[in-house]
Amino acid sequence: MPSLFESINPINANFISNFVPRLAEDKFQIGDLAPDFELPDSNGTPRKLSDFRGKPLLLVFTRIFTDKIFCPLCYPHLNNLKNDYAKFLEKGGDVVVVSTTNVEMTRQIVEEQRFPFTMLSDSEWRVFKRYGLGAALGAPLPAQFLLDKNGAIRFKYVSGLSLSDQLPTHPDNAQMLALMNA
């Protein structure tokens, strides 16, 4: 378990090497199958994206620096997802969040914030990079994909596709809920 200083200190090799913005790539089109991946959840259990097929899925990539330091633009979005999670379930869907924290920090975050959705740990940013997501201020930039029950992309939001697009404006949950059954 990290010390308090380590927990609140976001400066590490990833932070330093990604301080200067790196643009995102627009790698996927609507209708493309979202690439499968495997990451540990907050309990350390390996989970594949394909494990969630069979129902619509909101796949959210979020910026979290440590268990104590969240992106000030992503944190409200995570809380909105927490507050609306039951609505996603009622629509027959689910929500999976991919975080930049390690498994232990992810576990702490899920417990402390009482996030009801599945949160996966991508501390090495493998999946963030595979999905072509950019980075700025030491963390990957957020993105969001709405997948249908077969894993095909029905909606995508990728921040950081241009230098003027570095401040994320997360899609509204009401819009995602409306698109789930469209």
N, C-alpha and C. Protein backbone atom coordinates (compact mmCIF):
# COMPACT_ATOMS: atom_id res chain seq x y z
N MET A 1 0.85 -1.18 0.00
CA MET A 1 0.00 0.00 0.00
C MET A 1 0.90 1.24 0.00
N PRO A 2 0.59 2.22 -0.86
CA PRO A 2 1.45 3.40 -0.92
C PRO A 2 1.32 4.27 0.32
N SER A 3 2.41 4.97 0.62
CA SER A 3 2.36 5.92 1.73
C SER A 3 1.45 7.08 1.32
N LEU A 4 1.08 7.91 2.29
CA LEU A 4 0.21 9.04 1.99
C LEU A 4 0.87 9.93 0.94
N PHE A 5 2.19 10.20 1.08
CA PHE A 5 2.87 11.05 0.11
C PHE A 5 2.84 10.42 -1.28
N GLU A 6 3.13 9.13 -1.36
CA GLU A 6 3.10 8.45 -2.66
C GLU A 6 1.69 8.48 -3.24
N SER A 7 0.70 8.38 -2.38
CA SER A 7 -0.68 8.35 -2.81
C SER A 7 -1.12 9.67 -3.42
N ILE A 8 -0.64 10.78 -2.88
CA ILE A 8 -1.08 12.08 -3.38
C ILE A 8 -0.09 12.72 -4.34
N ASN A 9 1.04 12.06 -4.59
CA ASN A 9 2.05 12.59 -5.48
C ASN A 9 1.86 12.00 -6.88
N PRO A 10 1.31 12.75 -7.82
CA PRO A 10 1.07 12.19 -9.15
C PRO A 10 2.30 12.20 -10.05
N ILE A 11 3.42 12.75 -9.56
CA ILE A 11 4.60 12.83 -10.41
C ILE A 11 5.31 11.49 -10.44
N ASN A 12 5.30 10.88 -11.61
CA ASN A 12 5.97 9.61 -11.83
C ASN A 12 6.45 9.60 -13.28
N ALA A 13 7.00 8.49 -13.74
CA ALA A 13 7.54 8.44 -15.09
C ALA A 13 6.47 8.74 -16.14
N ASN A 14 5.25 8.20 -15.97
CA ASN A 14 4.18 8.48 -16.93
C ASN A 14 3.83 9.96 -16.95
N PHE A 15 3.77 10.57 -15.77
CA PHE A 15 3.44 11.99 -15.67
C PHE A 15 4.47 12.82 -16.42
N ILE A 16 5.73 12.55 -16.16
CA ILE A 16 6.80 13.34 -16.77
C ILE A 16 6.84 13.14 -18.28
N SER A 17 6.75 11.89 -18.73
CA SER A 17 6.86 11.63 -20.17
C SER A 17 5.62 12.06 -20.94
N ASN A 18 4.53 12.34 -20.27
CA ASN A 18 3.29 12.74 -20.94
C ASN A 18 2.78 14.10 -20.49
N PHE A 19 3.68 14.93 -19.95
CA PHE A 19 3.25 16.24 -19.49
C PHE A 19 2.83 17.11 -20.67
N VAL A 20 3.63 17.08 -21.74
CA VAL A 20 3.30 17.82 -22.94
C VAL A 20 2.20 17.07 -23.68
N PRO A 21 1.18 17.77 -24.15
CA PRO A 21 0.06 17.08 -24.79
C PRO A 21 0.48 16.20 -25.97
N ARG A 22 -0.15 15.02 -26.05
CA ARG A 22 -0.01 14.10 -27.18
C ARG A 22 -1.42 13.92 -27.73
N LEU A 23 -1.58 14.23 -29.00
CA LEU A 23 -2.91 14.17 -29.60
C LEU A 23 -3.43 12.74 -29.66
N ALA A 24 -4.73 12.64 -29.57
CA ALA A 24 -5.41 11.35 -29.72
C ALA A 24 -5.52 11.02 -31.21
N GLU A 25 -5.77 9.76 -31.48
CA GLU A 25 -6.01 9.30 -32.85
C GLU A 25 -7.48 8.90 -32.95
N ASP A 26 -8.07 9.20 -34.07
CA ASP A 26 -9.46 8.80 -34.31
C ASP A 26 -9.42 7.43 -35.00
N LYS A 27 -9.26 6.38 -34.20
CA LYS A 27 -8.97 5.04 -34.73
C LYS A 27 -10.19 4.24 -35.15
N PHE A 28 -11.37 4.59 -34.64
CA PHE A 28 -12.53 3.74 -34.86
C PHE A 28 -13.68 4.52 -35.46
N GLN A 29 -14.46 3.81 -36.26
CA GLN A 29 -15.66 4.38 -36.85
C GLN A 29 -16.89 3.75 -36.19
N ILE A 30 -17.99 4.45 -36.29
CA ILE A 30 -19.25 3.90 -35.80
C ILE A 30 -19.51 2.59 -36.57
N GLY A 31 -19.84 1.55 -35.85
CA GLY A 31 -20.07 0.24 -36.44
C GLY A 31 -18.89 -0.71 -36.29
N ASP A 32 -17.69 -0.16 -36.04
CA ASP A 32 -16.52 -1.02 -35.80
C ASP A 32 -16.71 -1.81 -34.51
N LEU A 33 -16.16 -3.00 -34.47
CA LEU A 33 -16.14 -3.78 -33.25
C LEU A 33 -15.06 -3.21 -32.33
N ALA A 34 -15.43 -2.91 -31.10
CA ALA A 34 -14.45 -2.38 -30.14
C ALA A 34 -13.41 -3.46 -29.86
N PRO A 35 -12.12 -3.13 -29.93
CA PRO A 35 -11.08 -4.14 -29.69
C PRO A 35 -11.19 -4.72 -28.28
N ASP A 36 -11.10 -6.03 -28.22
CA ASP A 36 -11.15 -6.70 -26.92
C ASP A 36 -9.85 -6.44 -26.16
N PHE A 37 -9.93 -6.47 -24.87
CA PHE A 37 -8.76 -6.33 -24.02
C PHE A 37 -9.05 -7.02 -22.70
N GLU A 38 -8.01 -7.19 -21.90
CA GLU A 38 -8.16 -7.78 -20.57
C GLU A 38 -7.39 -6.92 -19.58
N LEU A 39 -8.08 -6.52 -18.52
CA LEU A 39 -7.50 -5.72 -17.44
C LEU A 39 -8.04 -6.22 -16.11
N PRO A 40 -7.31 -6.01 -15.03
CA PRO A 40 -7.83 -6.40 -13.72
C PRO A 40 -8.88 -5.41 -13.21
N ASP A 41 -9.89 -5.94 -12.52
CA ASP A 41 -10.87 -5.07 -11.89
C ASP A 41 -10.35 -4.64 -10.52
N SER A 42 -11.17 -3.98 -9.75
CA SER A 42 -10.74 -3.44 -8.46
C SER A 42 -10.41 -4.53 -7.44
N ASN A 43 -10.78 -5.77 -7.72
CA ASN A 43 -10.41 -6.89 -6.85
C ASN A 43 -9.20 -7.65 -7.38
N GLY A 44 -8.66 -7.20 -8.53
CA GLY A 44 -7.53 -7.88 -9.14
C GLY A 44 -7.92 -9.01 -10.07
N THR A 45 -9.23 -9.22 -10.27
CA THR A 45 -9.72 -10.27 -11.15
C THR A 45 -9.61 -9.83 -12.60
N PRO A 46 -8.96 -10.62 -13.46
CA PRO A 46 -8.87 -10.26 -14.88
C PRO A 46 -10.26 -10.26 -15.52
N ARG A 47 -10.55 -9.18 -16.25
CA ARG A 47 -11.84 -9.05 -16.94
C ARG A 47 -11.59 -8.67 -18.38
N LYS A 48 -12.29 -9.32 -19.29
CA LYS A 48 -12.20 -8.99 -20.71
C LYS A 48 -13.37 -8.11 -21.09
N LEU A 49 -13.15 -7.23 -22.04
CA LEU A 49 -14.25 -6.43 -22.55
C LEU A 49 -15.34 -7.34 -23.10
N SER A 50 -14.94 -8.41 -23.77
CA SER A 50 -15.92 -9.34 -24.35
C SER A 50 -16.78 -10.03 -23.30
N ASP A 51 -16.35 -10.03 -22.03
CA ASP A 51 -17.17 -10.60 -20.95
C ASP A 51 -18.48 -9.83 -20.77
N PHE A 52 -18.51 -8.59 -21.24
CA PHE A 52 -19.68 -7.72 -21.04
C PHE A 52 -20.62 -7.72 -22.24
N ARG A 53 -20.33 -8.53 -23.26
CA ARG A 53 -21.21 -8.59 -24.43
C ARG A 53 -22.54 -9.21 -24.06
N GLY A 54 -23.52 -8.93 -24.87
CA GLY A 54 -24.86 -9.44 -24.61
C GLY A 54 -25.82 -8.35 -24.17
N LYS A 55 -25.28 -7.18 -23.85
CA LYS A 55 -26.11 -6.03 -23.51
C LYS A 55 -25.33 -4.77 -23.86
N PRO A 56 -26.01 -3.65 -24.05
CA PRO A 56 -25.31 -2.41 -24.35
C PRO A 56 -24.35 -2.06 -23.21
N LEU A 57 -23.23 -1.43 -23.58
CA LEU A 57 -22.20 -1.10 -22.59
C LEU A 57 -21.66 0.29 -22.84
N LEU A 58 -21.62 1.09 -21.79
CA LEU A 58 -20.94 2.38 -21.84
C LEU A 58 -19.53 2.14 -21.32
N LEU A 59 -18.54 2.28 -22.20
CA LEU A 59 -17.13 2.08 -21.87
C LEU A 59 -16.50 3.45 -21.72
N VAL A 60 -16.06 3.75 -20.51
CA VAL A 60 -15.56 5.08 -20.17
C VAL A 60 -14.08 4.98 -19.80
N PHE A 61 -13.26 5.79 -20.44
CA PHE A 61 -11.85 5.93 -20.09
C PHE A 61 -11.71 7.23 -19.34
N THR A 62 -11.18 7.18 -18.10
CA THR A 62 -11.15 8.37 -17.27
C THR A 62 -9.75 8.66 -16.74
N ARG A 63 -9.53 9.91 -16.41
CA ARG A 63 -8.25 10.38 -15.85
C ARG A 63 -8.34 10.38 -14.33
N ILE A 64 -7.54 9.55 -13.73
CA ILE A 64 -7.38 9.58 -12.28
C ILE A 64 -5.87 9.51 -12.04
N PHE A 65 -5.34 10.48 -11.35
CA PHE A 65 -3.90 10.52 -11.12
C PHE A 65 -3.50 9.57 -9.99
N THR A 66 -4.21 9.62 -8.90
CA THR A 66 -4.00 8.73 -7.75
C THR A 66 -5.33 8.54 -7.05
N ASP A 67 -5.34 7.76 -5.99
CA ASP A 67 -6.59 7.56 -5.25
C ASP A 67 -7.06 8.84 -4.55
N LYS A 68 -6.22 9.86 -4.51
CA LYS A 68 -6.59 11.12 -3.86
C LYS A 68 -6.70 12.29 -4.85
N ILE A 69 -6.21 12.10 -6.08
CA ILE A 69 -6.21 13.18 -7.05
C ILE A 69 -6.91 12.74 -8.34
N PHE A 70 -8.10 13.28 -8.54
CA PHE A 70 -8.89 13.00 -9.73
C PHE A 70 -8.80 14.21 -10.67
N CYS A 71 -9.00 13.98 -11.94
CA CYS A 71 -9.14 15.07 -12.89
C CYS A 71 -10.37 15.88 -12.47
N PRO A 72 -10.24 17.20 -12.34
CA PRO A 72 -11.40 17.99 -11.90
C PRO A 72 -12.56 18.01 -12.89
N LEU A 73 -12.31 17.63 -14.14
CA LEU A 73 -13.38 17.56 -15.12
C LEU A 73 -13.97 16.15 -15.19
N CYS A 74 -13.17 15.14 -14.87
CA CYS A 74 -13.64 13.74 -14.93
C CYS A 74 -14.38 13.33 -13.66
N TYR A 75 -13.97 13.86 -12.53
CA TYR A 75 -14.58 13.46 -11.26
C TYR A 75 -16.10 13.71 -11.24
N PRO A 76 -16.56 14.90 -11.66
CA PRO A 76 -18.03 15.09 -11.70
C PRO A 76 -18.72 14.10 -12.63
N HIS A 77 -18.06 13.76 -13.74
CA HIS A 77 -18.64 12.79 -14.67
C HIS A 77 -18.77 11.42 -14.00
N LEU A 78 -17.75 11.01 -13.25
CA LEU A 78 -17.82 9.74 -12.53
C LEU A 78 -18.95 9.74 -11.51
N ASN A 79 -19.11 10.85 -10.83
CA ASN A 79 -20.22 10.94 -9.86
C ASN A 79 -21.58 10.89 -10.56
N ASN A 80 -21.68 11.52 -11.72
CA ASN A 80 -22.93 11.44 -12.48
C ASN A 80 -23.21 10.01 -12.92
N LEU A 81 -22.15 9.30 -13.33
CA LEU A 81 -22.32 7.89 -13.69
C LEU A 81 -22.79 7.07 -12.48
N LYS A 82 -22.22 7.37 -11.33
CA LYS A 82 -22.63 6.68 -10.11
C LYS A 82 -24.11 6.95 -9.82
N ASN A 83 -24.51 8.20 -9.94
CA ASN A 83 -25.89 8.58 -9.65
C ASN A 83 -26.88 8.00 -10.66
N ASP A 84 -26.45 7.82 -11.90
CA ASP A 84 -27.33 7.32 -12.96
C ASP A 84 -27.15 5.84 -13.26
N TYR A 85 -26.31 5.15 -12.51
CA TYR A 85 -26.00 3.76 -12.81
C TYR A 85 -27.26 2.89 -12.86
N ALA A 86 -28.16 3.09 -11.94
CA ALA A 86 -29.40 2.29 -11.92
C ALA A 86 -30.19 2.48 -13.21
N LYS A 87 -30.14 3.69 -13.79
CA LYS A 87 -30.85 3.95 -15.05
C LYS A 87 -30.24 3.13 -16.19
N PHE A 88 -28.91 3.00 -16.18
CA PHE A 88 -28.26 2.19 -17.21
C PHE A 88 -28.69 0.73 -17.07
N LEU A 89 -28.74 0.25 -15.83
CA LEU A 89 -29.18 -1.13 -15.59
C LEU A 89 -30.63 -1.33 -16.01
N GLU A 90 -31.49 -0.35 -15.70
CA GLU A 90 -32.91 -0.43 -16.06
C GLU A 90 -33.09 -0.51 -17.58
N LYS A 91 -32.19 0.13 -18.32
CA LYS A 91 -32.24 0.10 -19.79
C LYS A 91 -31.64 -1.18 -20.35
N GLY A 92 -31.18 -2.07 -19.45
CA GLY A 92 -30.59 -3.32 -19.89
C GLY A 92 -29.12 -3.23 -20.23
N GLY A 93 -28.49 -2.13 -19.86
CA GLY A 93 -27.08 -1.92 -20.16
C GLY A 93 -26.20 -2.00 -18.94
N ASP A 94 -24.96 -1.62 -19.13
CA ASP A 94 -23.99 -1.60 -18.03
C ASP A 94 -22.97 -0.51 -18.31
N VAL A 95 -22.14 -0.24 -17.31
CA VAL A 95 -21.08 0.76 -17.40
C VAL A 95 -19.79 0.13 -16.92
N VAL A 96 -18.73 0.31 -17.68
CA VAL A 96 -17.39 -0.11 -17.28
C VAL A 96 -16.48 1.10 -17.42
N VAL A 97 -15.72 1.37 -16.37
CA VAL A 97 -14.79 2.50 -16.36
C VAL A 97 -13.37 1.97 -16.34
N VAL A 98 -12.53 2.48 -17.22
CA VAL A 98 -11.11 2.14 -17.24
C VAL A 98 -10.35 3.31 -16.66
N SER A 99 -9.55 3.02 -15.63
CA SER A 99 -8.81 4.03 -14.90
C SER A 99 -7.32 3.87 -15.12
N THR A 100 -6.58 4.92 -14.85
CA THR A 100 -5.12 4.90 -14.96
C THR A 100 -4.43 4.48 -13.68
N THR A 101 -5.18 4.16 -12.66
CA THR A 101 -4.59 3.80 -11.37
C THR A 101 -4.26 2.32 -11.32
N ASN A 102 -3.36 1.95 -10.38
CA ASN A 102 -3.05 0.53 -10.20
C ASN A 102 -4.20 -0.15 -9.46
N VAL A 103 -4.15 -1.47 -9.35
CA VAL A 103 -5.26 -2.23 -8.78
C VAL A 103 -5.57 -1.78 -7.35
N GLU A 104 -4.55 -1.60 -6.53
CA GLU A 104 -4.78 -1.20 -5.13
C GLU A 104 -5.47 0.16 -5.05
N MET A 105 -5.00 1.12 -5.84
CA MET A 105 -5.64 2.44 -5.84
C MET A 105 -7.05 2.35 -6.39
N THR A 106 -7.24 1.54 -7.42
CA THR A 106 -8.57 1.36 -7.99
C THR A 106 -9.52 0.79 -6.94
N ARG A 107 -9.05 -0.20 -6.19
CA ARG A 107 -9.87 -0.78 -5.11
C ARG A 107 -10.25 0.29 -4.09
N GLN A 108 -9.28 1.10 -3.68
CA GLN A 108 -9.55 2.17 -2.71
C GLN A 108 -10.56 3.16 -3.26
N ILE A 109 -10.40 3.53 -4.51
CA ILE A 109 -11.32 4.49 -5.14
C ILE A 109 -12.74 3.94 -5.16
N VAL A 110 -12.89 2.69 -5.60
CA VAL A 110 -14.22 2.07 -5.67
C VAL A 110 -14.85 2.04 -4.28
N GLU A 111 -14.07 1.66 -3.27
CA GLU A 111 -14.61 1.60 -1.90
C GLU A 111 -14.94 2.98 -1.36
N GLU A 112 -14.01 3.91 -1.46
CA GLU A 112 -14.22 5.24 -0.88
C GLU A 112 -15.31 6.03 -1.59
N GLN A 113 -15.36 5.92 -2.91
CA GLN A 113 -16.35 6.68 -3.68
C GLN A 113 -17.67 5.93 -3.85
N ARG A 114 -17.66 4.66 -3.46
CA ARG A 114 -18.84 3.80 -3.59
C ARG A 114 -19.34 3.73 -5.04
N PHE A 115 -18.38 3.55 -5.95
CA PHE A 115 -18.75 3.41 -7.35
C PHE A 115 -19.37 2.04 -7.56
N PRO A 116 -20.59 1.97 -8.08
CA PRO A 116 -21.27 0.69 -8.25
C PRO A 116 -20.89 -0.05 -9.54
N PHE A 117 -20.33 0.67 -10.49
CA PHE A 117 -19.97 0.08 -11.78
C PHE A 117 -18.61 -0.61 -11.69
N THR A 118 -18.32 -1.44 -12.67
CA THR A 118 -17.03 -2.12 -12.74
C THR A 118 -15.97 -1.11 -13.12
N MET A 119 -14.88 -1.09 -12.36
CA MET A 119 -13.75 -0.23 -12.67
C MET A 119 -12.53 -1.10 -12.90
N LEU A 120 -11.90 -0.90 -14.06
CA LEU A 120 -10.72 -1.66 -14.44
C LEU A 120 -9.47 -0.81 -14.31
N SER A 121 -8.36 -1.46 -14.03
CA SER A 121 -7.08 -0.78 -13.80
C SER A 121 -6.17 -0.94 -15.02
N ASP A 122 -5.76 0.19 -15.59
CA ASP A 122 -4.82 0.20 -16.72
C ASP A 122 -3.65 1.13 -16.38
N SER A 123 -2.93 0.79 -15.33
CA SER A 123 -1.87 1.66 -14.83
C SER A 123 -0.71 1.82 -15.80
N GLU A 124 -0.56 0.90 -16.73
CA GLU A 124 0.50 1.02 -17.74
C GLU A 124 -0.02 1.65 -19.02
N TRP A 125 -1.28 2.01 -19.06
CA TRP A 125 -1.92 2.71 -20.17
C TRP A 125 -1.95 1.89 -21.46
N ARG A 126 -1.87 0.58 -21.36
CA ARG A 126 -1.84 -0.27 -22.55
C ARG A 126 -3.13 -0.11 -23.37
N VAL A 127 -4.27 -0.16 -22.71
CA VAL A 127 -5.54 -0.08 -23.43
C VAL A 127 -5.80 1.36 -23.87
N PHE A 128 -5.46 2.33 -23.03
CA PHE A 128 -5.59 3.73 -23.43
C PHE A 128 -4.85 3.95 -24.76
N LYS A 129 -3.63 3.44 -24.85
CA LYS A 129 -2.83 3.61 -26.08
C LYS A 129 -3.41 2.79 -27.22
N ARG A 130 -3.87 1.58 -26.94
CA ARG A 130 -4.45 0.74 -27.99
C ARG A 130 -5.67 1.42 -28.62
N TYR A 131 -6.41 2.16 -27.82
CA TYR A 131 -7.57 2.88 -28.31
C TYR A 131 -7.20 4.24 -28.89
N GLY A 132 -5.89 4.56 -28.93
CA GLY A 132 -5.42 5.78 -29.57
C GLY A 132 -5.66 7.04 -28.77
N LEU A 133 -5.82 6.93 -27.46
CA LEU A 133 -6.14 8.11 -26.66
C LEU A 133 -4.90 8.96 -26.42
N GLY A 134 -5.09 10.24 -26.45
CA GLY A 134 -4.00 11.18 -26.23
C GLY A 134 -3.68 11.31 -24.75
N ALA A 135 -2.76 12.22 -24.45
CA ALA A 135 -2.37 12.46 -23.06
C ALA A 135 -2.02 13.94 -22.90
N ALA A 136 -2.19 14.42 -21.68
CA ALA A 136 -1.81 15.79 -21.33
C ALA A 136 -1.71 15.88 -19.82
N LEU A 137 -0.81 16.70 -19.37
CA LEU A 137 -0.60 16.92 -17.93
C LEU A 137 -0.38 15.61 -17.19
N GLY A 138 0.31 14.69 -17.84
CA GLY A 138 0.72 13.46 -17.17
C GLY A 138 -0.30 12.36 -17.09
N ALA A 139 -1.38 12.45 -17.81
CA ALA A 139 -2.39 11.38 -17.78
C ALA A 139 -3.07 11.29 -19.14
N PRO A 140 -3.54 10.09 -19.50
CA PRO A 140 -4.29 9.97 -20.75
C PRO A 140 -5.54 10.84 -20.72
N LEU A 141 -5.94 11.27 -21.88
CA LEU A 141 -7.18 12.04 -21.99
C LEU A 141 -8.37 11.10 -22.03
N PRO A 142 -9.51 11.55 -21.55
CA PRO A 142 -10.68 10.68 -21.46
C PRO A 142 -11.33 10.41 -22.82
N ALA A 143 -12.09 9.35 -22.82
CA ALA A 143 -12.88 8.96 -23.99
C ALA A 143 -14.08 8.16 -23.50
N GLN A 144 -15.04 8.00 -24.39
CA GLN A 144 -16.23 7.24 -24.04
C GLN A 144 -16.79 6.59 -25.31
N PHE A 145 -17.14 5.32 -25.17
CA PHE A 145 -17.70 4.57 -26.29
C PHE A 145 -18.97 3.89 -25.81
N LEU A 146 -20.03 4.00 -26.59
CA LEU A 146 -21.24 3.25 -26.32
C LEU A 146 -21.24 2.07 -27.28
N LEU A 147 -21.25 0.86 -26.71
CA LEU A 147 -21.20 -0.36 -27.50
C LEU A 147 -22.56 -1.04 -27.48
N ASP A 148 -22.92 -1.64 -28.60
CA ASP A 148 -24.17 -2.41 -28.60
C ASP A 148 -23.92 -3.79 -27.99
N LYS A 149 -24.93 -4.63 -27.96
CA LYS A 149 -24.82 -5.92 -27.27
C LYS A 149 -23.78 -6.84 -27.91
N ASN A 150 -23.39 -6.55 -29.16
CA ASN A 150 -22.38 -7.36 -29.84
C ASN A 150 -20.98 -6.76 -29.76
N GLY A 151 -20.86 -5.61 -29.11
CA GLY A 151 -19.56 -4.97 -28.96
C GLY A 151 -19.22 -3.98 -30.06
N ALA A 152 -20.20 -3.66 -30.92
CA ALA A 152 -19.97 -2.68 -31.99
C ALA A 152 -20.14 -1.26 -31.42
N ILE A 153 -19.33 -0.35 -31.90
CA ILE A 153 -19.36 1.04 -31.44
C ILE A 153 -20.57 1.74 -32.05
N ARG A 154 -21.44 2.30 -31.19
CA ARG A 154 -22.61 3.05 -31.63
C ARG A 154 -22.45 4.55 -31.39
N PHE A 155 -21.54 4.92 -30.50
CA PHE A 155 -21.24 6.33 -30.20
C PHE A 155 -19.81 6.37 -29.72
N LYS A 156 -19.11 7.45 -30.07
CA LYS A 156 -17.75 7.62 -29.56
C LYS A 156 -17.49 9.08 -29.24
N TYR A 157 -16.77 9.28 -28.20
CA TYR A 157 -16.26 10.60 -27.81
C TYR A 157 -14.80 10.40 -27.44
N VAL A 158 -13.92 11.07 -28.15
CA VAL A 158 -12.48 10.99 -27.87
C VAL A 158 -11.98 12.41 -27.71
N SER A 159 -11.49 12.76 -26.53
CA SER A 159 -10.96 14.11 -26.32
C SER A 159 -9.51 14.16 -26.80
N GLY A 160 -9.06 15.34 -27.12
CA GLY A 160 -7.67 15.54 -27.48
C GLY A 160 -7.33 15.20 -28.92
N LEU A 161 -8.31 15.28 -29.82
CA LEU A 161 -8.02 15.03 -31.24
C LEU A 161 -7.30 16.21 -31.89
N SER A 162 -7.36 17.38 -31.23
CA SER A 162 -6.64 18.56 -31.70
C SER A 162 -6.10 19.29 -30.46
N LEU A 163 -5.18 20.20 -30.68
CA LEU A 163 -4.61 20.95 -29.56
C LEU A 163 -5.66 21.81 -28.86
N SER A 164 -6.68 22.21 -29.57
CA SER A 164 -7.73 23.03 -28.95
C SER A 164 -8.74 22.19 -28.18
N ASP A 165 -8.60 20.88 -28.23
CA ASP A 165 -9.55 19.95 -27.60
C ASP A 165 -8.88 19.19 -26.46
N GLN A 166 -8.31 19.91 -25.51
CA GLN A 166 -7.62 19.26 -24.41
C GLN A 166 -8.44 19.23 -23.13
N LEU A 167 -9.51 20.01 -23.06
CA LEU A 167 -10.36 20.01 -21.88
C LEU A 167 -11.61 19.18 -22.19
N PRO A 168 -11.74 18.04 -21.55
CA PRO A 168 -12.85 17.14 -21.88
C PRO A 168 -14.22 17.71 -21.52
N THR A 169 -15.15 17.49 -22.40
CA THR A 169 -16.56 17.80 -22.15
C THR A 169 -17.30 16.48 -22.29
N HIS A 170 -17.43 15.78 -21.21
CA HIS A 170 -17.98 14.43 -21.22
C HIS A 170 -19.41 14.43 -21.75
N PRO A 171 -19.74 13.42 -22.54
CA PRO A 171 -21.12 13.29 -23.02
C PRO A 171 -22.10 13.15 -21.85
N ASP A 172 -23.28 13.66 -22.07
CA ASP A 172 -24.33 13.64 -21.06
C ASP A 172 -24.90 12.23 -20.92
N ASN A 173 -25.12 11.80 -19.69
CA ASN A 173 -25.68 10.46 -19.45
C ASN A 173 -27.04 10.28 -20.09
N ALA A 174 -27.85 11.33 -20.10
CA ALA A 174 -29.18 11.23 -20.71
C ALA A 174 -29.06 10.89 -22.20
N GLN A 175 -28.07 11.49 -22.86
CA GLN A 175 -27.84 11.19 -24.28
C GLN A 175 -27.42 9.73 -24.44
N MET A 176 -26.56 9.23 -23.57
CA MET A 176 -26.11 7.84 -23.66
C MET A 176 -27.28 6.89 -23.41
N LEU A 177 -28.10 7.21 -22.43
CA LEU A 177 -29.26 6.37 -22.13
C LEU A 177 -30.23 6.33 -23.30
N ALA A 178 -30.43 7.47 -23.96
CA ALA A 178 -31.34 7.52 -25.09
C ALA A 178 -30.80 6.71 -26.27
N LEU A 179 -29.48 6.68 -26.41
CA LEU A 179 -28.87 5.93 -27.52
C LEU A 179 -28.78 4.43 -27.26
N MET A 180 -28.92 4.03 -26.01
CA MET A 180 -28.76 2.60 -25.68
C MET A 180 -29.71 1.70 -26.44
N ASN A 181 -30.92 2.13 -26.61
CA ASN A 181 -31.92 1.28 -27.27
C ASN A 181 -32.28 1.80 -28.66
N ALA A 182 -31.51 2.74 -29.14
CA ALA A 182 -31.80 3.31 -30.47
C ALA A 182 -31.37 2.38 -31.58
